[in-house]
PDB file of N, CA and C in Angstrom:
ATOM      1  N   UNK A   1      83.955  10.584 -32.212  1.00  0.00           N
ATOM      2  CA  UNK A   1      83.031  10.959 -33.048  1.00  0.00           C
ATOM      3  C   UNK A   1      82.396   9.974 -33.778  1.00  0.00           C
ATOM      4  N   UNK A   2      81.071   9.973 -34.146  1.00  0.00           N
ATOM      5  CA  UNK A   2      80.179   9.304 -34.915  1.00  0.00           C
ATOM      6  C   UNK A   2      80.488   8.710 -36.305  1.00  0.00           C
ATOM      7  N   UNK A   3      80.876   7.667 -36.526  1.00  0.00           N
ATOM      8  CA  UNK A   3      81.336   7.215 -37.834  1.00  0.00           C
ATOM      9  C   UNK A   3      80.163   6.940 -38.895  1.00  0.00           C
ATOM     10  N   UNK A   4      78.985   6.950 -38.439  1.00  0.00           N
ATOM     11  CA  UNK A   4      77.864   6.845 -39.599  1.00  0.00           C
ATOM     12  C   UNK A   4      77.511   7.965 -40.191  1.00  0.00           C
ATOM     13  N   UNK A   5      77.803   9.341 -39.665  1.00  0.00           N
ATOM     14  CA  UNK A   5      77.695  10.491 -40.252  1.00  0.00           C
ATOM     15  C   UNK A   5      78.861  11.063 -40.662  1.00  0.00           C
ATOM     16  N   UNK A   6      78.913  11.496 -42.164  1.00  0.00           N
ATOM     17  CA  UNK A   6      80.290  11.844 -42.680  1.00  0.00           C
ATOM     18  C   UNK A   6      79.919  13.305 -43.122  1.00  0.00           C
ATOM     19  N   UNK A   7      80.429  14.392 -42.680  1.00  0.00           N
ATOM     20  CA  UNK A   7      79.992  15.830 -43.336  1.00  0.00           C
ATOM     21  C   UNK A   7      80.505  15.853 -44.480  1.00  0.00           C
ATOM     22  N   UNK A   8      81.532  15.289 -45.301  1.00  0.00           N
ATOM     23  CA  UNK A   8      82.194  15.561 -46.782  1.00  0.00           C
ATOM     24  C   UNK A   8      80.899  14.654 -47.613  1.00  0.00           C
ATOM     25  N   UNK A   9      80.233  13.550 -47.290  1.00  0.00           N
ATOM     26  CA  UNK A   9      79.361  13.242 -47.825  1.00  0.00           C
ATOM     27  C   UNK A   9      78.079  14.090 -47.901  1.00  0.00           C
ATOM     28  N   UNK A  10      77.763  14.534 -46.711  1.00  0.00           N
ATOM     29  CA  UNK A  10      76.613  15.521 -46.793  1.00  0.00           C
ATOM     30  C   UNK A  10      76.858  16.707 -47.503  1.00  0.00           C
ATOM     31  N   UNK A  11      77.966  17.395 -47.432  1.00  0.00           N
ATOM     32  CA  UNK A  11      78.103  18.448 -48.414  1.00  0.00           C
ATOM     33  C   UNK A  11      78.110  18.200 -49.890  1.00  0.00           C
ATOM     34  N   UNK A  12      78.680  17.047 -50.159  1.00  0.00           N
ATOM     35  CA  UNK A  12      78.617  16.340 -51.714  1.00  0.00           C
ATOM     36  C   UNK A  12      77.138  16.472 -52.036  1.00  0.00           C
ATOM     37  N   UNK A  13      76.189  15.563 -51.161  1.00  0.00           N
ATOM     38  CA  UNK A  13      75.055  15.459 -51.474  1.00  0.00           C
ATOM     39  C   UNK A  13      74.018  16.618 -51.631  1.00  0.00           C
ATOM     40  N   UNK A  14      74.374  17.829 -50.503  1.00  0.00           N
ATOM     41  CA  UNK A  14      73.657  19.050 -50.881  1.00  0.00           C
ATOM     42  C   UNK A  14      73.952  19.639 -52.206  1.00  0.00           C
ATOM     43  N   UNK A  15      75.491  19.577 -52.641  1.00  0.00           N
ATOM     44  CA  UNK A  15      75.892  20.199 -53.806  1.00  0.00           C
ATOM     45  C   UNK A  15      75.295  19.569 -54.941  1.00  0.00           C
ATOM     46  N   UNK A  16      75.017  18.356 -55.048  1.00  0.00           N
ATOM     47  CA  UNK A  16      74.541  17.605 -55.975  1.00  0.00           C
ATOM     48  C   UNK A  16      72.905  17.939 -56.184  1.00  0.00           C
ATOM     49  N   UNK A  17      72.128  18.394 -54.838  1.00  0.00           N
ATOM     50  CA  UNK A  17      70.814  18.702 -55.162  1.00  0.00           C
ATOM     51  C   UNK A  17      70.617  19.874 -55.684  1.00  0.00           C
ATOM     52  N   UNK A  18      71.644  20.728 -55.032  1.00  0.00           N
ATOM     53  CA  UNK A  18      71.498  22.184 -55.604  1.00  0.00           C
ATOM     54  C   UNK A  18      71.911  22.320 -57.185  1.00  0.00           C
ATOM     55  N   UNK A  19      72.790  21.719 -57.544  1.00  0.00           N
ATOM     56  CA  UNK A  19      73.091  21.672 -59.022  1.00  0.00           C
ATOM     57  C   UNK A  19      72.061  21.243 -59.931  1.00  0.00           C
ATOM     58  N   UNK A  20      71.349  19.949 -59.570  1.00  0.00           N
ATOM     59  CA  UNK A  20      70.143  19.411 -60.334  1.00  0.00           C
ATOM     60  C   UNK A  20      69.163  20.447 -60.392  1.00  0.00           C
ATOM     61  N   UNK A  21      68.802  20.966 -58.900  1.00  0.00           N
ATOM     62  CA  UNK A  21      67.833  21.940 -59.181  1.00  0.00           C
ATOM     63  C   UNK A  21      68.043  23.281 -59.868  1.00  0.00           C
ATOM     64  N   UNK A  22      69.185  23.701 -59.912  1.00  0.00           N
ATOM     65  CA  UNK A  22      69.552  24.904 -60.621  1.00  0.00           C
ATOM     66  C   UNK A  22      69.480  24.504 -62.123  1.00  0.00           C
ATOM     67  N   UNK A  23      69.815  23.215 -62.753  1.00  0.00           N
ATOM     68  CA  UNK A  23      69.655  23.019 -63.994  1.00  0.00           C
ATOM     69  C   UNK A  23      68.220  22.830 -64.476  1.00  0.00           C
ATOM     70  N   UNK A  24      67.219  22.055 -63.530  1.00  0.00           N
ATOM     71  CA  UNK A  24      65.906  22.255 -63.604  1.00  0.00           C
ATOM     72  C   UNK A  24      65.489  23.731 -64.018  1.00  0.00           C
ATOM     73  N   UNK A  25      65.754  24.570 -62.855  1.00  0.00           N
ATOM     74  CA  UNK A  25      65.272  25.863 -63.071  1.00  0.00           C
ATOM     75  C   UNK A  25      65.527  26.663 -64.280  1.00  0.00           C
ATOM     76  N   UNK A  26      66.664  26.518 -64.752  1.00  0.00           N
ATOM     77  CA  UNK A  26      67.166  27.177 -65.975  1.00  0.00           C
ATOM     78  C   UNK A  26      66.522  26.596 -67.150  1.00  0.00           C
ATOM     79  N   UNK A  27      66.325  25.237 -67.097  1.00  0.00           N
ATOM     80  CA  UNK A  27      65.515  24.552 -68.121  1.00  0.00           C
ATOM     81  C   UNK A  27      64.009  25.287 -68.283  1.00  0.00           C
ATOM     82  N   UNK A  28      63.556  25.325 -67.181  1.00  0.00           N
ATOM     83  CA  UNK A  28      61.929  25.782 -66.924  1.00  0.00           C
ATOM     84  C   UNK A  28      61.945  27.094 -67.743  1.00  0.00           C
ATOM     85  N   UNK A  29      62.871  27.920 -66.967  1.00  0.00           N
ATOM     86  CA  UNK A  29      62.902  29.432 -67.323  1.00  0.00           C
ATOM     87  C   UNK A  29      63.161  29.637 -69.020  1.00  0.00           C
ATOM     88  N   UNK A  30      64.054  28.845 -69.503  1.00  0.00           N
ATOM     89  CA  UNK A  30      64.245  28.859 -71.017  1.00  0.00           C
ATOM     90  C   UNK A  30      62.967  28.415 -71.545  1.00  0.00           C
ATOM     91  N   UNK A  31      62.286  27.641 -71.306  1.00  0.00           N
ATOM     92  CA  UNK A  31      61.066  27.018 -72.220  1.00  0.00           C
ATOM     93  C   UNK A  31      60.067  27.879 -71.908  1.00  0.00           C
ATOM     94  N   UNK A  32      59.838  28.755 -70.723  1.00  0.00           N
ATOM     95  CA  UNK A  32      58.923  29.724 -70.823  1.00  0.00           C
ATOM     96  C   UNK A  32      58.827  30.817 -71.981  1.00  0.00           C
ATOM     97  N   UNK A  33      57.704  31.207 -72.306  1.00  0.00           N
ATOM     98  CA  UNK A  33      57.227  32.123 -73.485  1.00  0.00           C
ATOM     99  C   UNK A  33      58.086  33.730 -72.982  1.00  0.00           C
ATOM    100  N   UNK A  34      58.684  34.059 -74.131  1.00  0.00           N
ATOM    101  CA  UNK A  34      59.301  35.400 -73.977  1.00  0.00           C
ATOM    102  C   UNK A  34      58.227  36.365 -73.763  1.00  0.00           C
ATOM    103  N   UNK A  35      58.382  37.625 -73.013  1.00  0.00           N
ATOM    104  CA  UNK A  35      57.437  38.453 -72.725  1.00  0.00           C
ATOM    105  C   UNK A  35      57.407  39.225 -73.994  1.00  0.00           C
ATOM    106  N   UNK A  36      56.405  39.721 -74.542  1.00  0.00           N
ATOM    107  CA  UNK A  36      56.250  40.527 -75.832  1.00  0.00           C
ATOM    108  C   UNK A  36      56.432  42.115 -75.262  1.00  0.00           C
ATOM    109  N   UNK A  37      56.956  42.840 -76.063  1.00  0.00           N
ATOM    110  CA  UNK A  37      57.221  44.214 -75.889  1.00  0.00           C
ATOM    111  C   UNK A  37      55.883  45.055 -75.726  1.00  0.00           C
ATOM    112  N   UNK A  38      56.158  46.166 -74.842  1.00  0.00           N
ATOM    113  CA  UNK A  38      54.740  46.996 -74.489  1.00  0.00           C
ATOM    114  C   UNK A  38      53.942  47.265 -75.840  1.00  0.00           C
ATOM    115  N   UNK A  39      52.749  47.660 -75.711  1.00  0.00           N
ATOM    116  CA  UNK A  39      51.794  47.755 -76.979  1.00  0.00           C
ATOM    117  C   UNK A  39      52.479  49.073 -77.659  1.00  0.00           C
ATOM    118  N   UNK A  40      52.778  50.077 -76.960  1.00  0.00           N
ATOM    119  CA  UNK A  40      53.106  51.419 -77.577  1.00  0.00           C
ATOM    120  C   UNK A  40      54.441  51.088 -78.324  1.00  0.00           C
ATOM    121  N   UNK A  41      55.449  50.497 -78.090  1.00  0.00           N
ATOM    122  CA  UNK A  41      56.575  50.063 -78.605  1.00  0.00           C
ATOM    123  C   UNK A  41      56.241  49.342 -79.742  1.00  0.00           C
ATOM    124  N   UNK A  42      55.344  48.403 -79.600  1.00  0.00           N
ATOM    125  CA  UNK A  42      54.955  47.411 -80.881  1.00  0.00           C
ATOM    126  C   UNK A  42      54.338  48.327 -81.945  1.00  0.00           C
ATOM    127  N   UNK A  43      53.444  49.468 -81.654  1.00  0.00           N
ATOM    128  CA  UNK A  43      52.701  50.184 -82.240  1.00  0.00           C
ATOM    129  C   UNK A  43      53.545  51.236 -83.306  1.00  0.00           C
ATOM    130  N   UNK A  44      54.674  51.659 -82.530  1.00  0.00           N
ATOM    131  CA  UNK A  44      55.883  52.701 -83.086  1.00  0.00           C
ATOM    132  C   UNK A  44      56.426  51.793 -84.130  1.00  0.00           C
ATOM    133  N   UNK A  45      56.917  50.623 -83.883  1.00  0.00           N
ATOM    134  CA  UNK A  45      57.617  49.858 -84.805  1.00  0.00           C
ATOM    135  C   UNK A  45      56.609  49.515 -86.112  1.00  0.00           C
ATOM    136  N   UNK A  46      55.650  49.088 -85.837  1.00  0.00           N
ATOM    137  CA  UNK A  46      54.798  48.777 -87.040  1.00  0.00           C
ATOM    138  C   UNK A  46      54.437  50.140 -87.801  1.00  0.00           C
ATOM    139  N   UNK A  47      54.084  51.309 -87.057  1.00  0.00           N
ATOM    140  CA  UNK A  47      53.953  52.430 -87.846  1.00  0.00           C
ATOM    141  C   UNK A  47      55.310  52.829 -88.678  1.00  0.00           C
ATOM    142  N   UNK A  48      56.541  52.961 -88.121  1.00  0.00           N
ATOM    143  CA  UNK A  48      57.700  53.064 -88.996  1.00  0.00           C
ATOM    144  C   UNK A  48      57.900  51.941 -90.348  1.00  0.00           C
ATOM    145  N   UNK A  49      57.404  50.458 -89.955  1.00  0.00           N
ATOM    146  CA  UNK A  49      57.634  49.712 -91.162  1.00  0.00           C
ATOM    147  C   UNK A  49      56.702  50.186 -92.180  1.00  0.00           C
ATOM    148  N   UNK A  50      55.442  50.520 -91.747  1.00  0.00           N
ATOM    149  CA  UNK A  50      54.563  51.010 -92.755  1.00  0.00           C
ATOM    150  C   UNK A  50      54.997  52.492 -93.421  1.00  0.00           C
ATOM    151  N   UNK A  51      55.376  53.098 -92.644  1.00  0.00           N
ATOM    152  CA  UNK A  51      55.853  54.428 -93.329  1.00  0.00           C
ATOM    153  C   UNK A  51      57.017  53.946 -94.434  1.00  0.00           C
ATOM    154  N   UNK A  52      57.932  52.998 -93.810  1.00  0.00           N
ATOM    155  CA  UNK A  52      59.015  52.837 -95.027  1.00  0.00           C
ATOM    156  C   UNK A  52      58.568  52.126 -96.310  1.00  0.00           C
ATOM    157  N   UNK A  53      57.554  51.176 -95.965  1.00  0.00           N
ATOM    158  CA  UNK A  53      56.791  50.372 -97.151  1.00  0.00           C
ATOM    159  C   UNK A  53      56.137  51.590 -98.094  1.00  0.00           C
ATOM    160  N   UNK A  54      55.397  52.478 -97.527  1.00  0.00           N
ATOM    161  CA  UNK A  54      54.787  53.355 -98.474  1.00  0.00           C
ATOM    162  C   UNK A  54      55.759  54.472 -99.016  1.00  0.00           C
ATOM    163  N   UNK A  55      56.880  54.831 -98.645  1.00  0.00           N
ATOM    164  CA  UNK A  55      57.931  55.942 -99.082  1.00  0.00           C
ATOM    165  C   UNK A  55      58.489  54.806-100.088  1.00  0.00           C
ATOM    166  N   UNK A  56      58.794  53.558 -99.997  1.00  0.00           N
ATOM    167  CA  UNK A  56      59.376  52.721-101.099  1.00  0.00           C
ATOM    168  C   UNK A  56      58.482  52.467-102.192  1.00  0.00           C
ATOM    169  N   UNK A  57      57.406  52.490-101.924  1.00  0.00           N
ATOM    170  CA  UNK A  57      56.374  52.115-102.950  1.00  0.00           C
ATOM    171  C   UNK A  57      56.196  53.350-103.798  1.00  0.00           C
ATOM    172  N   UNK A  58      55.983  54.745-103.146  1.00  0.00           N
ATOM    173  CA  UNK A  58      55.783  56.003-103.907  1.00  0.00           C
ATOM    174  C   UNK A  58      56.932  56.216-104.634  1.00  0.00           C
ATOM    175  N   UNK A  59      58.362  55.728-104.213  1.00  0.00           N
ATOM    176  CA  UNK A  59      59.596  56.230-104.918  1.00  0.00           C
ATOM    177  C   UNK A  59      59.886  55.168-106.371  1.00  0.00           C
ATOM    178  N   UNK A  60      59.096  54.043-106.119  1.00  0.00           N
ATOM    179  CA  UNK A  60      59.295  52.881-107.185  1.00  0.00           C
ATOM    180  C   UNK A  60      58.298  53.277-108.215  1.00  0.00           C
ATOM    181  N   UNK A  61      57.116  53.819-107.813  1.00  0.00           N
ATOM    182  CA  UNK A  61      56.230  54.168-109.334  1.00  0.00           C
ATOM    183  C   UNK A  61      55.858  55.668-108.938  1.00  0.00           C
ATOM    184  N   UNK A  62      55.934  56.497-110.200  1.00  0.00           N
ATOM    185  CA  UNK A  62      55.696  57.919-110.076  1.00  0.00           C
ATOM    186  C   UNK A  62      53.835  58.031-110.069  1.00  0.00           C
ATOM    187  N   UNK A  63      53.739  59.193-110.001  1.00  0.00           N
ATOM    188  CA  UNK A  63      52.219  59.496-109.802  1.00  0.00           C
ATOM    189  C   UNK A  63      51.698  59.447-111.095  1.00  0.00           C
ATOM    190  N   UNK A  64      50.626  58.772-111.509  1.00  0.00           N
ATOM    191  CA  UNK A  64      49.834  58.357-112.605  1.00  0.00           C
ATOM    192  C   UNK A  64      49.110  59.823-113.333  1.00  0.00           C
ATOM    193  N   UNK A  65      49.461  60.199-114.256  1.00  0.00           N
ATOM    194  CA  UNK A  65      48.732  61.474-114.924  1.00  0.00           C
ATOM    195  C   UNK A  65      47.981  60.653-116.019  1.00  0.00           C
ATOM    196  N   UNK A  66      46.846  60.266-115.506  1.00  0.00           N
ATOM    197  CA  UNK A  66      45.991  59.542-116.417  1.00  0.00           C
ATOM    198  C   UNK A  66      44.671  60.558-116.731  1.00  0.00           C
ATOM    199  N   UNK A  67      43.648  59.698-117.493  1.00  0.00           N
ATOM    200  CA  UNK A  67      42.641  60.311-117.874  1.00  0.00           C
ATOM    201  C   UNK A  67      41.403  60.609-116.724  1.00  0.00           C
ATOM    202  N   UNK A  68      41.895  59.839-115.661  1.00  0.00           N
ATOM    203  CA  UNK A  68      40.756  60.156-114.663  1.00  0.00           C
ATOM    204  C   UNK A  68      40.736  61.479-113.978  1.00  0.00           C
ATOM    205  N   UNK A  69      41.759  62.035-113.979  1.00  0.00           N
ATOM    206  CA  UNK A  69      41.903  63.293-113.385  1.00  0.00           C
ATOM    207  C   UNK A  69      41.410  64.380-114.548  1.00  0.00           C
ATOM    208  N   UNK A  70      41.531  64.020-115.870  1.00  0.00           N
ATOM    209  CA  UNK A  70      41.257  65.010-117.151  1.00  0.00           C
ATOM    210  C   UNK A  70      39.722  64.967-116.996  1.00  0.00           C
ATOM    211  N   UNK A  71      38.966  63.939-116.631  1.00  0.00           N
ATOM    212  CA  UNK A  71      37.726  64.136-116.750  1.00  0.00           C
ATOM    213  C   UNK A  71      36.626  64.977-115.842  1.00  0.00           C
ATOM    214  N   UNK A  72      37.352  64.876-114.745  1.00  0.00           N
ATOM    215  CA  UNK A  72      36.652  65.687-113.704  1.00  0.00           C
ATOM    216  C   UNK A  72      37.593  66.544-112.918  1.00  0.00           C
ATOM    217  N   UNK A  73      37.785  67.671-113.293  1.00  0.00           N
ATOM    218  CA  UNK A  73      39.040  68.641-112.705  1.00  0.00           C
ATOM    219  C   UNK A  73      38.424  68.934-111.376  1.00  0.00           C
ATOM    220  N   UNK A  74      37.338  68.773-110.828  1.00  0.00           N
ATOM    221  CA  UNK A  74      36.741  69.341-109.669  1.00  0.00           C
ATOM    222  C   UNK A  74      36.994  68.479-108.674  1.00  0.00           C
ATOM    223  N   UNK A  75      37.474  67.059-108.885  1.00  0.00           N
ATOM    224  CA  UNK A  75      37.408  65.929-107.926  1.00  0.00           C
ATOM    225  C   UNK A  75      38.710  66.283-107.199  1.00  0.00           C
ATOM    226  N   UNK A  76      38.500  66.407-105.753  1.00  0.00           N
ATOM    227  CA  UNK A  76      39.618  66.486-104.909  1.00  0.00           C
ATOM    228  C   UNK A  76      40.675  65.600-104.799  1.00  0.00           C
ATOM    229  N   UNK A  77      41.591  65.725-104.231  1.00  0.00           N
ATOM    230  CA  UNK A  77      42.997  65.125-104.251  1.00  0.00           C
ATOM    231  C   UNK A  77      42.579  63.687-103.706  1.00  0.00           C
ATOM    232  N   UNK A  78      41.908  63.811-102.545  1.00  0.00           N
ATOM    233  CA  UNK A  78      41.489  62.625-101.615  1.00  0.00           C
ATOM    234  C   UNK A  78      40.461  61.538-102.468  1.00  0.00           C
ATOM    235  N   UNK A  79      39.598  62.357-103.236  1.00  0.00           N
ATOM    236  CA  UNK A  79      38.699  61.681-103.821  1.00  0.00           C
ATOM    237  C   UNK A  79      39.340  60.858-105.213  1.00  0.00           C
ATOM    238  N   UNK A  80      40.081  61.637-105.733  1.00  0.00           N
ATOM    239  CA  UNK A  80      40.969  61.205-107.020  1.00  0.00           C
ATOM    240  C   UNK A  80      41.815  59.792-106.473  1.00  0.00           C
ATOM    241  N   UNK A  81      42.377  59.975-105.283  1.00  0.00           N
ATOM    242  CA  UNK A  81      43.156  58.707-104.805  1.00  0.00           C
ATOM    243  C   UNK A  81      42.022  57.723-104.574  1.00  0.00           C
ATOM    244  N   UNK A  82      40.957  57.881-104.010  1.00  0.00           N
ATOM    245  CA  UNK A  82      40.315  56.781-103.946  1.00  0.00           C
ATOM    246  C   UNK A  82      39.759  56.166-105.005  1.00  0.00           C
ATOM    247  N   UNK A  83      39.406  56.890-106.013  1.00  0.00           N
ATOM    248  CA  UNK A  83      39.105  56.415-107.199  1.00  0.00           C
ATOM    249  C   UNK A  83      40.192  55.635-107.998  1.00  0.00           C
ATOM    250  N   UNK A  84      41.152  56.304-107.710  1.00  0.00           N
ATOM    251  CA  UNK A  84      42.515  55.390-108.262  1.00  0.00           C
ATOM    252  C   UNK A  84      42.538  53.790-107.660  1.00  0.00           C
ATOM    253  N   UNK A  85      42.445  54.099-106.556  1.00  0.00           N
ATOM    254  CA  UNK A  85      42.506  52.643-105.703  1.00  0.00           C
ATOM    255  C   UNK A  85      41.135  51.715-106.248  1.00  0.00           C
ATOM    256  N   UNK A  86      40.263  52.263-106.370  1.00  0.00           N
ATOM    257  CA  UNK A  86      39.000  51.263-106.728  1.00  0.00           C
ATOM    258  C   UNK A  86      38.742  51.064-107.826  1.00  0.00           C
ATOM    259  N   UNK A  87      39.574  52.009-108.938  1.00  0.00           N
ATOM    260  CA  UNK A  87      39.458  51.812-110.401  1.00  0.00           C
ATOM    261  C   UNK A  87      38.299  52.482-111.140  1.00  0.00           C
ATOM    262  N   UNK A  88      37.607  53.347-110.258  1.00  0.00           N
ATOM    263  CA  UNK A  88      36.345  53.954-110.906  1.00  0.00           C
ATOM    264  C   UNK A  88      36.268  55.172-109.961  1.00  0.00           C
ATOM    265  N   UNK A  89      35.476  56.059-110.771  1.00  0.00           N
ATOM    266  CA  UNK A  89      35.210  57.420-110.122  1.00  0.00           C
ATOM    267  C   UNK A  89      33.798  57.163-109.558  1.00  0.00           C
ATOM    268  N   UNK A  90      33.416  57.977-108.462  1.00  0.00           N
ATOM    269  CA  UNK A  90      32.183  58.143-107.625  1.00  0.00           C
ATOM    270  C   UNK A  90      31.649  59.188-107.866  1.00  0.00           C
TER     271      UNK A  90
END
């Protein structure tokens, strides 16, 4: 048998090469940006968050019964809400 070639050293060398390459691969995969969720899922989550914020703000402050609705009783509810937001009637 040839003494210049040792199968044990060869196997250890292959094992070290595989370990280093796996470590590098895992490091690269960890450093890559994470994939974003699908747009549909993102829109549903945003809508749920918006609904809960709106519901929380509606519960926190009651509907104002101010003089804006007393001046013009023919104003529809949507126009009155727009007027309340902008602070003036159109």
